[in-house]
C-alpha atoms as a PDB file:
ATOM      1  CA  MET A   1       3.316 -31.978   6.714  1.00  0.00           C
ATOM      2  CA  GLY A   2       4.390 -29.740   9.565  1.00  0.00           C
ATOM      3  CA  THR A   3       5.135 -30.958  13.069  1.00  0.00           C
ATOM      4  CA  TYR A   4       2.289 -28.969  14.618  1.00  0.00           C
ATOM      5  CA  TYR A   5      -0.082 -28.988  11.661  1.00  0.00           C
ATOM      6  CA  ASP A   6      -0.475 -32.762  11.896  1.00  0.00           C
ATOM      7  CA  ASN A   7      -1.674 -32.388  15.500  1.00  0.00           C
ATOM      8  CA  SER A   8      -3.796 -29.295  14.891  1.00  0.00           C
ATOM      9  CA  ILE A   9      -7.563 -28.961  15.286  1.00  0.00           C
ATOM     10  CA  VAL A  10      -8.025 -29.278  11.535  1.00  0.00           C
ATOM     11  CA  PRO A  11     -10.029 -32.460  10.802  1.00  0.00           C
ATOM     12  CA  ASP A  12      -8.046 -35.031   8.833  1.00  0.00           C
ATOM     13  CA  HIS A  13     -10.312 -34.861   5.777  1.00  0.00           C
ATOM     14  CA  LEU A  14      -9.774 -31.092   5.539  1.00  0.00           C
ATOM     15  CA  LYS A  15      -6.006 -31.054   5.930  1.00  0.00           C
ATOM     16  CA  ARG A  16      -3.698 -30.053   3.094  1.00  0.00           C
ATOM     17  CA  LYS A  17      -2.511 -32.917   0.953  1.00  0.00           C
ATOM     18  CA  PHE A  18       0.622 -31.187  -0.331  1.00  0.00           C
ATOM     19  CA  ASP A  19       3.923 -29.938   1.058  1.00  0.00           C
ATOM     20  CA  VAL A  20       4.212 -26.135   1.035  1.00  0.00           C
ATOM     21  CA  TYR A  21       7.901 -26.330   0.174  1.00  0.00           C
ATOM     22  CA  ASP A  22       7.145 -28.411  -2.910  1.00  0.00           C
ATOM     23  CA  ARG A  23       4.959 -25.535  -4.113  1.00  0.00           C
ATOM     24  CA  ILE A  24       7.695 -23.014  -3.282  1.00  0.00           C
ATOM     25  CA  LYS A  25      10.219 -25.050  -5.259  1.00  0.00           C
ATOM     26  CA  LYS A  26       7.821 -25.279  -8.204  1.00  0.00           C
ATOM     27  CA  LEU A  27       7.473 -21.484  -8.162  1.00  0.00           C
ATOM     28  CA  SER A  28      11.304 -21.104  -8.043  1.00  0.00           C
ATOM     29  CA  ILE A  29      11.193 -18.891  -4.929  1.00  0.00           C
ATOM     30  CA  ASP A  30      14.652 -18.400  -3.436  1.00  0.00           C
ATOM     31  CA  MET A  31      14.272 -18.845   0.346  1.00  0.00           C
ATOM     32  CA  GLY A  32      17.510 -16.963   1.071  1.00  0.00           C
ATOM     33  CA  SER A  33      19.044 -17.308   4.532  1.00  0.00           C
ATOM     34  CA  PHE A  34      18.371 -16.321   8.131  1.00  0.00           C
ATOM     35  CA  ASP A  35      21.285 -13.873   8.200  1.00  0.00           C
ATOM     36  CA  ALA A  36      20.277 -12.144   4.984  1.00  0.00           C
ATOM     37  CA  ASP A  37      16.508 -12.113   5.385  1.00  0.00           C
ATOM     38  CA  VAL A  38      15.778 -11.941   9.132  1.00  0.00           C
ATOM     39  CA  ALA A  39      18.748 -11.115  11.358  1.00  0.00           C
ATOM     40  CA  ASP A  40      19.653  -7.868   9.587  1.00  0.00           C
ATOM     41  CA  LEU A  41      16.593  -6.025   8.302  1.00  0.00           C
ATOM     42  CA  LYS A  42      18.398  -2.785   7.503  1.00  0.00           C
ATOM     43  CA  GLY A  43      17.238  -1.549   4.128  1.00  0.00           C
ATOM     44  CA  ALA A  44      14.877  -4.493   3.747  1.00  0.00           C
ATOM     45  CA  GLY A  45      11.720  -2.367   3.853  1.00  0.00           C
ATOM     46  CA  ILE A  46      10.203  -4.504   6.602  1.00  0.00           C
ATOM     47  CA  ALA A  47      10.225  -3.820  10.352  1.00  0.00           C
ATOM     48  CA  GLY A  48      10.053  -7.372  11.635  1.00  0.00           C
ATOM     49  CA  ILE A  49       7.960 -10.336  12.668  1.00  0.00           C
ATOM     50  CA  VAL A  50       5.781 -10.552  15.782  1.00  0.00           C
ATOM     51  CA  PHE A  51       4.511 -13.888  17.090  1.00  0.00           C
ATOM     52  CA  HIS A  52       1.399 -13.618  19.280  1.00  0.00           C
ATOM     53  CA  GLU A  53       0.833 -16.271  21.929  1.00  0.00           C
ATOM     54  CA  SER A  54      -2.463 -17.121  20.234  1.00  0.00           C
ATOM     55  CA  GLY A  55      -0.530 -18.347  17.205  1.00  0.00           C
ATOM     56  CA  LEU A  56      -1.219 -15.280  15.084  1.00  0.00           C
ATOM     57  CA  VAL A  57       1.829 -13.975  13.205  1.00  0.00           C
ATOM     58  CA  PHE A  58       2.204 -10.324  12.191  1.00  0.00           C
ATOM     59  CA  LEU A  59       4.486  -9.411   9.295  1.00  0.00           C
ATOM     60  CA  SER A  60       4.844  -5.681   8.858  1.00  0.00           C
ATOM     61  CA  GLY A  61       4.337  -4.457   5.320  1.00  0.00           C
ATOM     62  CA  GLN A  62       6.822  -3.767   2.596  1.00  0.00           C
ATOM     63  CA  GLY A  63       6.568  -1.216  -0.188  1.00  0.00           C
ATOM     64  CA  GLY A  64       7.685  -1.371  -3.778  1.00  0.00           C
ATOM     65  CA  GLY A  65       6.694  -0.727  -7.363  1.00  0.00           C
ATOM     66  CA  PRO A  66       6.277   2.407  -9.459  1.00  0.00           C
ATOM     67  CA  GLY A  67       2.925   3.597  -8.109  1.00  0.00           C
ATOM     68  CA  GLN A  68       0.168   3.932 -10.715  1.00  0.00           C
ATOM     69  CA  MET A  69       0.581   1.306 -13.396  1.00  0.00           C
ATOM     70  CA  TYR A  70      -2.072   1.918 -16.023  1.00  0.00           C
ATOM     71  CA  ASP A  71      -0.317   4.103 -18.572  1.00  0.00           C
ATOM     72  CA  ASP A  72       2.403   1.925 -20.021  1.00  0.00           C
ATOM     73  CA  PRO A  73       2.938  -1.850 -20.453  1.00  0.00           C
ATOM     74  CA  ALA A  74       6.485  -1.612 -19.091  1.00  0.00           C
ATOM     75  CA  ARG A  75       5.238   0.093 -15.910  1.00  0.00           C
ATOM     76  CA  ILE A  76       2.494  -2.495 -15.513  1.00  0.00           C
ATOM     77  CA  LYS A  77       5.131  -5.222 -15.671  1.00  0.00           C
ATOM     78  CA  GLU A  78       7.337  -3.301 -13.234  1.00  0.00           C
ATOM     79  CA  GLY A  79       4.463  -3.146 -10.752  1.00  0.00           C
ATOM     80  CA  ALA A  80       3.681  -6.845 -11.166  1.00  0.00           C
ATOM     81  CA  ASP A  81       7.359  -7.739 -10.643  1.00  0.00           C
ATOM     82  CA  ALA A  82       7.436  -5.580  -7.501  1.00  0.00           C
ATOM     83  CA  ALA A  83       4.347  -7.315  -6.110  1.00  0.00           C
ATOM     84  CA  GLU A  84       5.919 -10.715  -6.767  1.00  0.00           C
ATOM     85  CA  GLU A  85       9.157  -9.628  -5.092  1.00  0.00           C
ATOM     86  CA  ILE A  86       7.274  -8.421  -2.002  1.00  0.00           C
ATOM     87  CA  ALA A  87       5.257 -11.640  -1.757  1.00  0.00           C
ATOM     88  CA  ASP A  88       8.414 -13.765  -2.060  1.00  0.00           C
ATOM     89  CA  SER A  89      10.115 -11.637   0.596  1.00  0.00           C
ATOM     90  CA  MET A  90       7.229 -12.127   3.032  1.00  0.00           C
ATOM     91  CA  ILE A  91       7.304 -15.897   2.461  1.00  0.00           C
ATOM     92  CA  LYS A  92      11.054 -15.991   3.104  1.00  0.00           C
ATOM     93  CA  ARG A  93      10.844 -13.991   6.328  1.00  0.00           C
ATOM     94  CA  LEU A  94       7.931 -16.031   7.620  1.00  0.00           C
ATOM     95  CA  HIS A  95       9.854 -19.231   6.881  1.00  0.00           C
ATOM     96  CA  TRP A  96      12.951 -18.110   8.734  1.00  0.00           C
ATOM     97  CA  GLY A  97      10.927 -16.611  11.562  1.00  0.00           C
ATOM     98  CA  LEU A  98       9.235 -19.972  12.105  1.00  0.00           C
ATOM     99  CA  THR A  99      12.324 -22.163  11.776  1.00  0.00           C
ATOM    100  CA  CYS A 100      14.998 -20.124  13.575  1.00  0.00           C
ATOM    101  CA  GLY A 101      13.789 -21.187  17.049  1.00  0.00           C
ATOM    102  CA  GLY A 102      14.698 -24.804  16.386  1.00  0.00           C
ATOM    103  CA  GLU A 103      11.340 -26.079  17.655  1.00  0.00           C
ATOM    104  CA  GLY A 104      10.478 -27.933  14.497  1.00  0.00           C
ATOM    105  CA  GLY A 105       7.881 -25.605  13.004  1.00  0.00           C
ATOM    106  CA  ASP A 106       7.925 -24.363   9.416  1.00  0.00           C
ATOM    107  CA  LEU A 107       5.586 -23.075   6.710  1.00  0.00           C
ATOM    108  CA  ASN A 108       3.696 -26.372   6.678  1.00  0.00           C
ATOM    109  CA  ASP A 109       2.383 -25.452  10.133  1.00  0.00           C
ATOM    110  CA  VAL A 110       0.638 -22.291   8.930  1.00  0.00           C
ATOM    111  CA  ILE A 111      -3.127 -22.814   9.120  1.00  0.00           C
ATOM    112  CA  SER A 112      -4.107 -19.346   7.811  1.00  0.00           C
ATOM    113  CA  LEU A 113      -7.785 -18.664   8.473  1.00  0.00           C
ATOM    114  CA  VAL A 114      -8.044 -21.412  11.091  1.00  0.00           C
ATOM    115  CA  THR A 115      -5.516 -19.540  13.215  1.00  0.00           C
ATOM    116  CA  ALA A 116      -7.536 -16.339  12.923  1.00  0.00           C
ATOM    117  CA  LEU A 117     -10.684 -18.123  14.087  1.00  0.00           C
ATOM    118  CA  GLY A 118      -8.660 -19.599  16.946  1.00  0.00           C
ATOM    119  CA  LEU A 119      -7.860 -16.067  18.057  1.00  0.00           C
ATOM    120  CA  VAL A 120     -11.604 -15.310  18.060  1.00  0.00           C
ATOM    121  CA  GLY A 121     -12.146 -18.235  20.416  1.00  0.00           C
ATOM    122  CA  GLU A 122      -9.344 -17.080  22.706  1.00  0.00           C
ATOM    123  CA  ILE A 123     -10.741 -13.554  22.960  1.00  0.00           C
ATOM    124  CA  ALA A 124     -14.270 -14.809  23.602  1.00  0.00           C
ATOM    125  CA  GLY A 125     -13.012 -17.141  26.321  1.00  0.00           C
ATOM    126  CA  ALA A 126     -10.972 -14.407  28.013  1.00  0.00           C
ATOM    127  CA  ALA A 127     -13.952 -12.051  27.936  1.00  0.00           C
ATOM    128  CA  GLY A 128     -16.267 -14.680  29.397  1.00  0.00           C
ATOM    129  CA  VAL A 129     -19.043 -14.025  26.866  1.00  0.00           C
ATOM    130  CA  ASP A 130     -20.960 -16.187  24.445  1.00  0.00           C
ATOM    131  CA  ILE A 131     -20.827 -15.265  20.766  1.00  0.00           C
ATOM    132  CA  HIS A 132     -24.293 -14.868  19.264  1.00  0.00           C
ATOM    133  CA  PHE A 133     -23.170 -13.722  15.799  1.00  0.00           C
ATOM    134  CA  LEU A 134     -19.819 -14.551  14.176  1.00  0.00           C
ATOM    135  CA  ASP A 135     -18.755 -12.918  10.900  1.00  0.00           C
ATOM    136  CA  VAL A 136     -15.895 -14.921   9.377  1.00  0.00           C
ATOM    137  CA  GLY A 137     -15.247 -12.181   6.839  1.00  0.00           C
ATOM    138  CA  GLY A 138     -14.590 -12.194   3.105  1.00  0.00           C
ATOM    139  CA  GLY A 139     -14.803 -11.288   0.415  1.00  0.00           C
ATOM    140  CA  PHE A 140     -13.965 -14.390  -1.467  1.00  0.00           C
ATOM    141  CA  PRO A 141     -12.286 -14.000  -4.861  1.00  0.00           C
ATOM    142  CA  ALA A 142     -13.732 -14.317  -8.346  1.00  0.00           C
ATOM    143  CA  ALA A 143     -12.084 -15.659 -11.483  1.00  0.00           C
ATOM    144  CA  TYR A 144     -10.387 -13.119 -13.719  1.00  0.00           C
ATOM    145  CA  LYS A 145      -8.097 -13.593 -16.709  1.00  0.00           C
ATOM    146  CA  GLY A 146      -4.523 -14.319 -15.648  1.00  0.00           C
ATOM    147  CA  VAL A 147      -5.436 -14.741 -11.960  1.00  0.00           C
ATOM    148  CA  VAL A 148      -5.086 -18.147 -10.292  1.00  0.00           C
ATOM    149  CA  THR A 149      -8.105 -18.382  -7.982  1.00  0.00           C
ATOM    150  CA  PRO A 150      -8.512 -21.232  -5.465  1.00  0.00           C
ATOM    151  CA  PRO A 151     -11.919 -22.904  -5.610  1.00  0.00           C
ATOM    152  CA  LEU A 152     -14.506 -21.464  -3.246  1.00  0.00           C
ATOM    153  CA  SER A 153     -14.702 -24.869  -1.558  1.00  0.00           C
ATOM    154  CA  ALA A 154     -11.122 -24.403  -0.293  1.00  0.00           C
ATOM    155  CA  TYR A 155     -12.203 -21.334   1.683  1.00  0.00           C
ATOM    156  CA  MET A 156     -15.290 -23.091   2.995  1.00  0.00           C
ATOM    157  CA  ASP A 157     -13.193 -26.060   4.134  1.00  0.00           C
ATOM    158  CA  GLU A 158     -10.840 -23.772   6.068  1.00  0.00           C
ATOM    159  CA  ILE A 159     -13.792 -21.998   7.700  1.00  0.00           C
ATOM    160  CA  ASP A 160     -15.416 -25.317   8.653  1.00  0.00           C
ATOM    161  CA  ALA A 161     -12.162 -26.476  10.180  1.00  0.00           C
ATOM    162  CA  GLY A 162     -11.791 -23.276  12.173  1.00  0.00           C
ATOM    163  CA  LEU A 163     -15.374 -23.354  13.442  1.00  0.00           C
ATOM    164  CA  ALA A 164     -14.925 -26.961  14.531  1.00  0.00           C
ATOM    165  CA  GLY A 165     -12.366 -25.823  17.084  1.00  0.00           C
ATOM    166  CA  LEU A 166     -14.614 -23.192  18.673  1.00  0.00           C
ATOM    167  CA  GLU A 167     -17.112 -23.870  21.439  1.00  0.00           C
ATOM    168  CA  LEU A 168     -19.936 -21.834  19.990  1.00  0.00           C
ATOM    169  CA  ARG A 169     -23.529 -21.708  21.140  1.00  0.00           C
ATOM    170  CA  ARG A 170     -25.808 -23.975  19.155  1.00  0.00           C
ATOM    171  CA  ASP A 171     -27.848 -20.941  18.124  1.00  0.00           C
ATOM    172  CA  CYS A 172     -24.803 -18.862  17.117  1.00  0.00           C
ATOM    173  CA  VAL A 173     -25.384 -17.336  13.695  1.00  0.00           C
ATOM    174  CA  THR A 174     -22.344 -17.642  11.421  1.00  0.00           C
ATOM    175  CA  MET A 175     -22.121 -15.050   8.674  1.00  0.00           C
ATOM    176  CA  CYS A 176     -19.706 -14.208   5.878  1.00  0.00           C
ATOM    177  CA  GLU A 177     -19.217 -11.541   3.237  1.00  0.00           C
ATOM    178  CA  PRO A 178     -18.925 -13.475  -0.038  1.00  0.00           C
ATOM    179  CA  GLY A 179     -18.283 -10.366  -2.130  1.00  0.00           C
ATOM    180  CA  ARG A 180     -16.956 -10.969  -5.640  1.00  0.00           C
ATOM    181  CA  ALA A 181     -17.445 -14.720  -5.507  1.00  0.00           C
ATOM    182  CA  MET A 182     -21.200 -14.195  -5.450  1.00  0.00           C
ATOM    183  CA  VAL A 183     -21.751 -11.222  -7.743  1.00  0.00           C
ATOM    184  CA  ALA A 184     -18.850 -10.835 -10.211  1.00  0.00           C
ATOM    185  CA  SER A 185     -20.309 -13.186 -12.813  1.00  0.00           C
ATOM    186  CA  GLY A 186     -23.799 -11.723 -12.390  1.00  0.00           C
ATOM    187  CA  CYS A 187     -23.274  -8.787 -14.745  1.00  0.00           C
ATOM    188  CA  SER A 188     -21.715  -8.121 -18.135  1.00  0.00           C
ATOM    189  CA  LEU A 189     -21.174  -4.749 -19.766  1.00  0.00           C
ATOM    190  CA  VAL A 190     -22.180  -4.382 -23.420  1.00  0.00           C
ATOM    191  CA  VAL A 191     -20.452  -1.511 -25.224  1.00  0.00           C
ATOM    192  CA  GLN A 192     -20.401  -0.316 -28.823  1.00  0.00           C
ATOM    193  CA  VAL A 193     -17.360   0.457 -30.938  1.00  0.00           C
ATOM    194  CA  LEU A 194     -17.612   4.148 -31.848  1.00  0.00           C
ATOM    195  CA  LEU A 195     -14.428   4.408 -33.885  1.00  0.00           C
ATOM    196  CA  ARG A 196     -11.476   2.346 -35.062  1.00  0.00           C
ATOM    197  CA  LYS A 197      -8.073   3.789 -35.884  1.00  0.00           C
ATOM    198  CA  GLU A 198      -5.715   1.025 -37.030  1.00  0.00           C
ATOM    199  CA  ASP A 199      -5.036  -1.049 -33.884  1.00  0.00           C
ATOM    200  CA  GLN A 200      -6.996   1.184 -31.472  1.00  0.00           C
ATOM    201  CA  ILE A 201     -10.727   1.249 -30.857  1.00  0.00           C
ATOM    202  CA  TYR A 202     -12.927   3.759 -29.038  1.00  0.00           C
ATOM    203  CA  ILE A 203     -15.942   2.496 -27.073  1.00  0.00           C
ATOM    204  CA  ASN A 204     -18.853   4.232 -25.328  1.00  0.00           C
ATOM    205  CA  ASP A 205     -17.735   3.339 -21.783  1.00  0.00           C
ATOM    206  CA  GLY A 206     -14.380   3.449 -20.054  1.00  0.00           C
ATOM    207  CA  VAL A 207     -12.250   4.185 -17.019  1.00  0.00           C
ATOM    208  CA  HIS A 208     -14.536   6.935 -15.730  1.00  0.00           C
ATOM    209  CA  GLY A 209     -17.576   4.719 -16.237  1.00  0.00           C
ATOM    210  CA  SER A 210     -17.936   1.011 -15.560  1.00  0.00           C
ATOM    211  CA  LEU A 211     -14.342  -0.106 -16.202  1.00  0.00           C
ATOM    212  CA  SER A 212     -12.332   1.642 -13.478  1.00  0.00           C
ATOM    213  CA  GLU A 213     -11.376  -1.664 -11.836  1.00  0.00           C
ATOM    214  CA  MET A 214      -9.369  -2.598 -14.893  1.00  0.00           C
ATOM    215  CA  VAL A 215      -7.056   0.222 -13.766  1.00  0.00           C
ATOM    216  CA  THR A 216      -7.283   0.108  -9.978  1.00  0.00           C
ATOM    217  CA  GLY A 217      -7.294  -3.721  -9.785  1.00  0.00           C
ATOM    218  CA  PRO A 218      -5.716  -4.033 -12.207  1.00  0.00           C
ATOM    219  CA  LEU A 219      -8.074  -6.751 -13.510  1.00  0.00           C
ATOM    220  CA  ARG A 220      -8.337  -8.338 -16.934  1.00  0.00           C
ATOM    221  CA  MET A 221     -11.967  -8.884 -17.877  1.00  0.00           C
ATOM    222  CA  PRO A 222     -13.090 -11.424 -20.507  1.00  0.00           C
ATOM    223  CA  VAL A 223     -14.326  -9.836 -23.720  1.00  0.00           C
ATOM    224  CA  ARG A 224     -16.018 -11.028 -26.906  1.00  0.00           C
ATOM    225  CA  LEU A 225     -17.312  -9.361 -30.053  1.00  0.00           C
ATOM    226  CA  ILE A 226     -21.012  -9.450 -30.973  1.00  0.00           C
ATOM    227  CA  ARG A 227     -21.807  -8.631 -34.627  1.00  0.00           C
ATOM    228  CA  LEU A 228     -25.400  -8.225 -35.705  1.00  0.00           C
ATOM    229  CA  ASP A 229     -24.864  -8.534 -39.464  1.00  0.00           C
ATOM    230  CA  GLY A 230     -22.578 -11.299 -40.623  1.00  0.00           C
ATOM    231  CA  ASP A 231     -19.698 -13.307 -39.250  1.00  0.00           C
ATOM    232  CA  PRO A 232     -16.473 -11.697 -37.997  1.00  0.00           C
ATOM    233  CA  SER A 233     -13.022 -12.879 -39.001  1.00  0.00           C
ATOM    234  CA  ASP A 234     -11.491 -15.991 -37.450  1.00  0.00           C
ATOM    235  CA  ARG A 235      -8.164 -14.156 -37.204  1.00  0.00           C
ATOM    236  CA  TYR A 236      -7.536 -12.205 -34.012  1.00  0.00           C
ATOM    237  CA  ALA A 237      -5.364  -9.224 -33.075  1.00  0.00           C
ATOM    238  CA  ASP A 238      -4.716  -7.059 -30.007  1.00  0.00           C
ATOM    239  CA  PHE A 239      -6.407  -3.650 -29.882  1.00  0.00           C
ATOM    240  CA  ALA A 240      -5.765  -0.749 -27.519  1.00  0.00           C
ATOM    241  CA  VAL A 241      -9.034   0.497 -26.042  1.00  0.00           C
ATOM    242  CA  ALA A 242     -10.012   4.102 -25.301  1.00  0.00           C
ATOM    243  CA  GLY A 243     -13.129   5.407 -23.584  1.00  0.00           C
ATOM    244  CA  PRO A 244     -15.403   8.187 -24.855  1.00  0.00           C
ATOM    245  CA  THR A 245     -14.415  11.108 -22.605  1.00  0.00           C
ATOM    246  CA  CYS A 246     -11.501  12.676 -24.567  1.00  0.00           C
ATOM    247  CA  ASP A 247      -9.413  12.357 -21.397  1.00  0.00           C
ATOM    248  CA  SER A 248      -5.884  10.957 -21.790  1.00  0.00           C
ATOM    249  CA  VAL A 249      -6.435   8.858 -18.648  1.00  0.00           C
ATOM    250  CA  ASP A 250      -9.431   7.132 -20.245  1.00  0.00           C
ATOM    251  CA  MET A 251      -7.356   4.268 -21.683  1.00  0.00           C
ATOM    252  CA  LEU A 252      -7.678   0.669 -20.545  1.00  0.00           C
ATOM    253  CA  PRO A 253      -4.401  -0.796 -19.265  1.00  0.00           C
ATOM    254  CA  PHE A 254      -4.736  -4.047 -21.219  1.00  0.00           C
ATOM    255  CA  PRO A 255      -5.464  -4.611 -24.899  1.00  0.00           C
ATOM    256  CA  PHE A 256      -8.546  -6.529 -26.023  1.00  0.00           C
ATOM    257  CA  ARG A 257      -7.895  -9.517 -28.283  1.00  0.00           C
ATOM    258  CA  LEU A 258     -10.594  -9.311 -30.932  1.00  0.00           C
ATOM    259  CA  PRO A 259     -11.311 -10.341 -34.530  1.00  0.00           C
ATOM    260  CA  GLU A 260      -8.968  -8.364 -36.747  1.00  0.00           C
ATOM    261  CA  ASP A 261     -11.842  -6.973 -38.848  1.00  0.00           C
ATOM    262  CA  ILE A 262     -13.586  -5.298 -35.889  1.00  0.00           C
ATOM    263  CA  ARG A 263     -15.364  -2.177 -37.084  1.00  0.00           C
ATOM    264  CA  GLU A 264     -17.454   0.775 -36.028  1.00  0.00           C
ATOM    265  CA  GLY A 265     -20.911  -0.325 -34.908  1.00  0.00           C
ATOM    266  CA  ASP A 266     -19.770  -3.698 -33.549  1.00  0.00           C
ATOM    267  CA  TRP A 267     -20.687  -4.561 -29.985  1.00  0.00           C
ATOM    268  CA  LEU A 268     -18.480  -6.005 -27.231  1.00  0.00           C
ATOM    269  CA  GLU A 269     -19.533  -7.969 -24.174  1.00  0.00           C
ATOM    270  CA  ILE A 270     -17.178  -7.485 -21.212  1.00  0.00           C
ATOM    271  CA  GLY A 271     -17.804 -10.030 -18.466  1.00  0.00           C
ATOM    272  CA  GLN A 272     -17.209 -10.349 -14.712  1.00  0.00           C
ATOM    273  CA  LEU A 273     -18.362  -6.797 -13.908  1.00  0.00           C
ATOM    274  CA  GLY A 274     -20.940  -7.612 -11.250  1.00  0.00           C
ATOM    275  CA  ALA A 275     -18.775  -6.578  -8.301  1.00  0.00           C
ATOM    276  CA  TYR A 276     -18.038  -2.870  -8.811  1.00  0.00           C
ATOM    277  CA  GLY A 277     -18.834  -2.079 -12.430  1.00  0.00           C
ATOM    278  CA  SER A 278     -21.970  -0.024 -11.880  1.00  0.00           C
ATOM    279  CA  ALA A 279     -21.092   1.036  -8.331  1.00  0.00           C
ATOM    280  CA  LEU A 280     -17.978   2.979  -9.395  1.00  0.00           C
ATOM    281  CA  ARG A 281     -19.302   4.701 -12.552  1.00  0.00           C
ATOM    282  CA  THR A 282     -19.225   8.488 -12.667  1.00  0.00           C
ATOM    283  CA  GLN A 283     -20.802  11.222 -14.796  1.00  0.00           C
ATOM    284  CA  PHE A 284     -17.437  12.587 -15.921  1.00  0.00           C
ATOM    285  CA  ASN A 285     -17.758  14.700 -19.083  1.00  0.00           C
ATOM    286  CA  GLY A 286     -21.450  13.861 -19.297  1.00  0.00           C
ATOM    287  CA  PHE A 287     -21.101  10.128 -19.942  1.00  0.00           C
ATOM    288  CA  TYR A 288     -23.063   7.888 -17.571  1.00  0.00           C
ATOM    289  CA  PRO A 289     -23.948   4.252 -18.396  1.00  0.00           C
ATOM    290  CA  ASP A 290     -27.391   3.712 -16.920  1.00  0.00           C
ATOM    291  CA  THR A 291     -29.268   1.107 -18.973  1.00  0.00           C
ATOM    292  CA  PHE A 292     -29.787  -2.325 -17.399  1.00  0.00           C
ATOM    293  CA  VAL A 293     -31.288  -5.409 -19.053  1.00  0.00           C
ATOM    294  CA  THR A 294     -32.055  -8.675 -17.256  1.00  0.00           C
ATOM    295  CA  LEU A 295     -31.098 -11.855 -19.147  1.00  0.00           C
ATOM    296  CA  ARG A 296     -31.312 -15.485 -18.143  1.00  0.00           C
ATOM    297  CA  ASP A 297     -28.175 -17.055 -19.582  1.00  0.00           C
ATOM    298  CA  GLU A 298     -24.891 -18.505 -18.411  1.00  0.00           C
ATOM    299  CA  PRO A 299     -22.306 -16.099 -16.932  1.00  0.00           C
ATOM    300  CA  PHE A 300     -19.535 -14.921 -19.243  1.00  0.00           C
ATOM    301  CA  ILE A 301     -16.356 -15.797 -17.375  1.00  0.00           C
ATOM    302  CA  ASP A 302     -13.699 -16.549 -19.990  1.00  0.00           C
ATOM    303  CA  SER A 303     -12.924 -15.116 -23.427  1.00  0.00           C
ATOM    304  CA  PRO A 304     -14.044 -17.486 -26.197  1.00  0.00           C
ATOM    305  CA  SER A 305     -11.991 -18.698 -29.108  1.00  0.00           C
ATOM    306  CA  ARG A 306     -14.589 -17.271 -31.476  1.00  0.00           C
ATOM    307  CA  ALA A 307     -16.746 -14.153 -31.537  1.00  0.00           C
ATOM    308  CA  ARG A 308     -20.535 -14.252 -31.595  1.00  0.00           C
ATOM    309  CA  SER A 309     -22.597 -13.259 -34.602  1.00  0.00           C
ATOM    310  CA  SER A 310     -26.306 -12.742 -35.191  1.00  0.00           C
ATOM    311  CA  GLY A 311     -26.622 -16.408 -36.090  1.00  0.00           C
ATOM    312  CA  ALA A 312     -24.738 -17.689 -32.998  1.00  0.00           C
END
C-alpha cells in the first residue's frame, strides 16, 4: 500500500486489500512519463494539477469524443474510446503529480471520498461551528448491462471511514442521496411490439418517452420477451429498436437481443428504469406512457437466457 495510506485515518478493516498499480497493469494502462504527461501540457487538453493543503487534488477536465453518440455504432464506439482515453490520461497525470515530488506518495495513497470528508472537517474547524446535519452526497450507482459497478458496501465503508475521522456532535444527522442504487430496480417498463420489419422492431415507447437515458447515458437496460400464447424460439438475434413517433431520432442506440421469432403483439419487459424512466417522458407527437401497475416480484436486473411465456 501507499506510504501515507497505511498511516491514514482509515480503520485497518476498511483499508484496500489490493495494490492500485496491479489493477492498472491488469487494465493495460500505459502510465507514460513525467516529461510527456505532466511537464509539458501543451496540446494535452488539460490545464494542470492543483494540490490543496487539505489533501484534496484538483485535475482540470479534458474533452474528447464525437459529441452525440446515439445514431451509429461506430460513433458510439468512438465516444467510448474517447472516454477511456480521457480516464487513462487523468490517471497518468495524477500518478506523476503525486510521485514527482519524491516524497514517497503515489496512487495507493489516494483515499477518494475519505479525503473529501476530511476537507469538510477542516472547514468546520476553521469556521468554529458544530455541524448539525452532514450530507455525504451521492447518488450511488446501479447495475446496468456492460457497466462494472462496485458493491454498495464499498461506498458505505469509505463513508464510515471518513466519518470516523471527524469530530462530529453525537446528535449530528448524517444524510446521503442514494439515487439510482435505491430506485433503479424498482420499476420496469412493459412495451408492445407494434411492427417487425426483418431485423428491426417498432415498440410503443421510445427515446421521447421512458427510454431517453438509453441515449443520454448511454445505458444498456436488460430486456426480455413476454409471449402470452405459446413459447418463443430458443434461438436469439439482435434487433434494432424504433419508437412510435415517426421521428428519425426515435431509435435506441443499442440493439435488443431477443428470440428470433419475435412478432407483432409480443410484449417486452425493460428493466432498471426506476431512476429516470417516468420522470423524463414527454408528450412528443401525442405519445405519453402513463399507466402504472404495482407488482410484488423480484427486480429485473439482468437479461435472461430464455424469454418468458404464458406458462412461465
